[in-house]
N, C-alpha and C. Protein backbone atom coordinates (compact mmCIF):
# COMPACT_ATOMS: atom_id res chain seq x y z
N MET A 1 203.99 -21.15 195.91
CA MET A 1 205.05 -21.13 194.77
C MET A 1 204.67 -21.04 193.75
N ILE A 2 205.05 -20.04 193.78
CA ILE A 2 204.60 -20.84 191.91
C ILE A 2 204.99 -21.35 190.04
N PRO A 3 204.86 -22.30 189.90
CA PRO A 3 205.46 -23.23 188.63
C PRO A 3 206.26 -22.35 188.02
N ALA A 4 207.68 -23.34 187.63
CA ALA A 4 208.46 -22.70 186.69
C ALA A 4 207.71 -23.01 184.88
N LEU A 5 207.15 -22.52 184.78
CA LEU A 5 206.53 -22.12 183.55
C LEU A 5 206.75 -21.38 182.31
N ILE A 6 206.78 -21.18 181.31
CA ILE A 6 207.49 -19.96 179.92
C ILE A 6 206.41 -19.63 179.64
N PRO A 7 205.98 -18.85 179.03
CA PRO A 7 205.77 -17.85 180.27
C PRO A 7 205.31 -18.12 181.29
N GLN A 8 206.16 -16.89 182.21
CA GLN A 8 206.11 -17.41 183.34
C GLN A 8 204.40 -16.73 183.70
N PRO A 9 202.86 -17.35 184.07
CA PRO A 9 201.95 -16.62 184.92
C PRO A 9 202.03 -15.48 184.67
N GLN A 10 201.41 -14.54 184.77
CA GLN A 10 200.21 -12.65 185.50
C GLN A 10 199.90 -13.37 186.85
N HIS A 11 199.22 -15.01 187.26
CA HIS A 11 198.21 -14.84 187.60
C HIS A 11 198.14 -16.43 187.97
N HIS A 12 198.73 -16.69 189.31
CA HIS A 12 198.85 -18.37 190.45
C HIS A 12 197.06 -18.06 190.99
N GLN A 13 196.50 -19.42 190.77
CA GLN A 13 195.78 -19.62 191.55
C GLN A 13 195.23 -21.76 192.19
N PRO A 14 196.59 -21.55 193.71
CA PRO A 14 196.26 -22.79 193.80
C PRO A 14 195.35 -23.35 194.12
N ARG A 15 194.73 -24.61 193.54
CA ARG A 15 193.46 -25.50 194.32
C ARG A 15 193.56 -26.36 194.79
N PRO A 16 192.86 -26.64 195.58
CA PRO A 16 192.96 -28.39 196.38
C PRO A 16 192.85 -29.30 194.81
N GLY A 17 193.45 -30.90 195.18
CA GLY A 17 193.62 -31.56 194.27
C GLY A 17 194.54 -32.01 193.45
N HIS A 18 194.43 -33.04 192.37
CA HIS A 18 195.29 -33.15 191.66
C HIS A 18 195.31 -34.34 191.37
N PHE A 19 195.81 -34.29 190.00
CA PHE A 19 195.47 -34.96 188.48
C PHE A 19 196.91 -35.74 188.48
N HIS A 20 196.40 -37.20 188.46
CA HIS A 20 197.96 -38.10 188.00
C HIS A 20 197.56 -38.77 186.44
N ILE A 21 198.68 -38.36 185.57
CA ILE A 21 198.21 -38.72 184.14
C ILE A 21 199.06 -39.95 184.23
N PRO A 22 197.59 -40.52 183.09
CA PRO A 22 197.77 -42.19 183.94
C PRO A 22 198.21 -42.65 182.10
N PRO A 23 198.06 -44.30 182.09
CA PRO A 23 199.48 -44.57 181.12
C PRO A 23 199.16 -44.58 179.99
N ARG A 24 197.45 -44.38 179.93
CA ARG A 24 197.61 -44.32 178.05
C ARG A 24 195.98 -43.84 177.85
N GLY A 25 196.16 -42.50 177.48
CA GLY A 25 194.86 -41.07 177.14
C GLY A 25 195.08 -40.49 175.47
N PHE A 26 194.57 -39.41 175.50
CA PHE A 26 194.74 -38.86 174.44
C PHE A 26 195.06 -37.68 174.69
N VAL A 27 195.31 -36.78 173.83
CA VAL A 27 195.51 -35.24 173.40
C VAL A 27 194.16 -34.50 172.55
N GLY A 28 193.20 -34.13 173.25
CA GLY A 28 192.18 -33.52 172.47
C GLY A 28 192.09 -32.26 172.16
N ILE A 29 191.89 -31.94 170.85
CA ILE A 29 192.59 -30.54 169.79
C ILE A 29 191.03 -30.55 168.98
N ALA A 30 190.83 -29.24 169.09
CA ALA A 30 189.66 -29.51 168.78
C ALA A 30 189.72 -27.61 167.49
N ASP A 31 190.64 -28.38 167.01
CA ASP A 31 190.81 -27.95 165.66
C ASP A 31 193.39 -28.23 165.31
N GLY A 32 192.29 -27.68 163.90
CA GLY A 32 193.97 -28.69 163.35
C GLY A 32 195.62 -28.17 163.15
N ARG A 33 195.32 -26.64 163.67
CA ARG A 33 196.24 -26.62 163.68
C ARG A 33 197.20 -26.03 165.15
N LEU A 34 196.23 -26.69 165.90
CA LEU A 34 197.25 -27.40 166.89
C LEU A 34 197.54 -28.60 167.33
N HIS A 35 197.77 -29.67 166.44
CA HIS A 35 198.19 -30.50 165.90
C HIS A 35 199.15 -30.86 166.06
N ALA A 36 200.54 -30.05 165.44
CA ALA A 36 201.66 -30.25 165.64
C ALA A 36 202.23 -29.85 167.49
N LEU A 37 201.29 -28.74 168.09
CA LEU A 37 201.80 -29.81 169.12
C LEU A 37 201.08 -30.23 170.10
N ALA A 38 200.04 -31.00 169.94
CA ALA A 38 199.55 -32.01 170.27
C ALA A 38 200.59 -32.95 169.98
N LEU A 39 200.76 -33.08 168.68
CA LEU A 39 202.08 -34.36 168.60
C LEU A 39 203.17 -34.28 169.98
N ALA A 40 203.26 -33.28 169.79
CA ALA A 40 204.76 -32.79 170.81
C ALA A 40 204.58 -33.53 171.78
N ALA A 41 202.99 -32.93 172.40
CA ALA A 41 202.84 -33.67 173.43
C ALA A 41 202.50 -34.91 173.93
N CYS A 42 202.14 -35.95 173.16
CA CYS A 42 202.80 -36.79 172.34
C CYS A 42 203.89 -37.60 172.90
N ARG A 43 204.73 -37.22 172.70
CA ARG A 43 206.14 -37.16 172.89
C ARG A 43 206.08 -37.15 174.15
N LEU A 44 205.44 -36.02 174.61
CA LEU A 44 206.11 -35.80 175.69
C LEU A 44 205.52 -37.11 177.17
N ILE A 45 204.13 -37.32 176.46
CA ILE A 45 203.33 -37.74 177.63
C ILE A 45 203.26 -39.28 176.95
N PRO A 46 203.90 -40.43 176.95
CA PRO A 46 203.95 -41.89 176.81
C PRO A 46 201.98 -42.39 176.94
N GLY A 47 202.39 -43.84 175.78
CA GLY A 47 200.74 -43.95 175.18
C GLY A 47 199.82 -43.20 175.41
N HIS A 48 199.63 -41.56 174.96
CA HIS A 48 199.55 -40.69 174.61
C HIS A 48 198.78 -40.59 172.72
N ARG A 49 197.86 -40.38 172.38
CA ARG A 49 197.41 -40.21 170.61
C ARG A 49 196.14 -39.32 170.80
N ILE A 50 196.43 -38.19 170.02
CA ILE A 50 195.85 -36.92 169.12
C ILE A 50 194.02 -37.39 168.98
N ALA A 51 192.99 -37.08 169.19
CA ALA A 51 191.69 -36.59 169.07
C ALA A 51 191.75 -35.87 168.99
N THR A 52 190.29 -35.57 167.89
CA THR A 52 189.96 -34.69 167.89
C THR A 52 187.73 -34.34 168.50
N SER A 53 188.55 -35.52 168.72
CA SER A 53 186.39 -35.64 169.54
C SER A 53 185.97 -37.18 169.85
N GLY A 54 184.88 -36.88 171.66
CA GLY A 54 184.15 -37.82 171.27
C GLY A 54 185.20 -39.24 172.33
N LYS A 55 186.27 -38.75 172.81
CA LYS A 55 187.31 -39.56 173.29
C LYS A 55 187.22 -38.43 174.62
N THR A 56 187.54 -38.95 175.94
CA THR A 56 188.30 -38.32 177.11
C THR A 56 188.81 -38.29 177.64
N ASP A 57 189.43 -36.84 177.08
CA ASP A 57 190.97 -36.52 177.21
C ASP A 57 191.54 -36.48 178.45
N THR A 58 192.87 -36.58 178.07
CA THR A 58 193.82 -36.59 179.68
C THR A 58 194.02 -35.10 179.24
N LEU A 59 194.52 -34.55 177.92
CA LEU A 59 194.26 -33.24 178.03
C LEU A 59 193.58 -32.38 176.44
N SER A 60 193.98 -31.69 177.09
CA SER A 60 192.84 -31.15 175.69
C SER A 60 193.24 -29.29 175.30
N MET A 61 193.56 -29.28 174.44
CA MET A 61 194.07 -28.02 173.99
C MET A 61 192.53 -27.02 173.48
N ARG A 62 192.92 -26.26 173.23
CA ARG A 62 192.19 -24.96 172.25
C ARG A 62 192.27 -24.24 172.14
N PHE A 63 191.82 -23.68 170.97
CA PHE A 63 191.67 -21.94 170.72
C PHE A 63 190.42 -21.02 171.08
N SER A 64 191.51 -19.68 171.69
CA SER A 64 190.27 -18.89 172.52
C SER A 64 190.26 -17.73 172.62
N ASN A 65 189.28 -17.01 171.66
CA ASN A 65 189.34 -15.78 171.55
C ASN A 65 189.85 -14.49 172.38
N ALA A 66 189.27 -15.29 174.26
CA ALA A 66 189.06 -13.90 175.11
C ALA A 66 190.51 -14.57 176.10
N ILE A 67 191.00 -14.91 175.25
CA ILE A 67 193.11 -15.26 175.68
C ILE A 67 194.10 -14.18 174.60
N PRO A 68 194.39 -13.20 175.18
CA PRO A 68 194.95 -12.22 175.05
C PRO A 68 195.96 -12.33 173.62
N ALA A 69 196.00 -12.12 172.23
CA ALA A 69 197.61 -12.63 171.43
C ALA A 69 198.64 -13.21 173.22
N GLU A 70 199.66 -14.37 173.02
CA GLU A 70 200.47 -14.35 173.35
C GLU A 70 200.35 -15.11 174.63
N GLY A 71 198.93 -15.43 175.23
CA GLY A 71 198.51 -15.83 176.48
C GLY A 71 197.90 -17.17 176.48
N TYR A 72 198.09 -17.68 177.15
CA TYR A 72 197.72 -19.10 177.89
C TYR A 72 196.50 -18.74 179.35
N ARG A 73 196.36 -19.58 178.99
CA ARG A 73 195.49 -20.61 180.31
C ARG A 73 195.53 -21.51 181.00
N LEU A 74 195.86 -22.45 181.58
CA LEU A 74 196.13 -23.53 182.33
C LEU A 74 194.97 -23.91 183.45
N MET A 75 194.58 -24.69 183.18
CA MET A 75 193.66 -25.65 184.08
C MET A 75 194.26 -27.38 184.68
N ILE A 76 194.38 -27.27 185.66
CA ILE A 76 194.05 -28.46 185.54
C ILE A 76 193.53 -29.48 187.03
N THR A 77 192.52 -30.32 186.66
CA THR A 77 191.60 -30.97 187.85
C THR A 77 191.65 -31.55 187.87
N PRO A 78 191.13 -32.72 189.04
CA PRO A 78 191.59 -33.60 188.86
C PRO A 78 190.84 -34.47 188.09
N LYS A 79 189.94 -33.82 186.23
CA LYS A 79 189.08 -34.39 185.25
C LYS A 79 190.50 -34.40 183.95
N GLY A 80 191.14 -33.47 185.01
CA GLY A 80 192.18 -33.40 183.41
C GLY A 80 192.90 -32.41 183.08
N ILE A 81 193.83 -32.04 181.49
CA ILE A 81 194.63 -31.00 181.65
C ILE A 81 193.57 -29.86 180.50
N THR A 82 193.55 -28.87 181.00
CA THR A 82 192.41 -27.81 179.70
C THR A 82 193.99 -26.51 179.52
N ILE A 83 193.93 -26.97 178.03
CA ILE A 83 194.96 -25.14 177.59
C ILE A 83 194.58 -24.24 176.83
N LEU A 84 194.30 -22.99 176.94
CA LEU A 84 194.05 -22.40 176.18
C LEU A 84 194.76 -21.52 175.42
N ALA A 85 194.13 -21.32 175.02
CA ALA A 85 195.48 -20.53 173.80
C ALA A 85 194.59 -19.01 172.73
């Protein structure tokens, strides 16, 4: 089953395991251009704040030159969630 994501993933590779979003945590960003998106994520994940470094992130957002325009990579592991764009 492919998750309901927009835009729809071109590739979906389910793996064993899961991640539970903790009641408190951080949305980590390495680039100030992601601040508005991180703020929106904090509204969706109560108890979370934006952090720029040095924290253990529940959700990490970063830019990557390896990702094409309009593309993204979503990775969910037992340790957290990472979005590359």
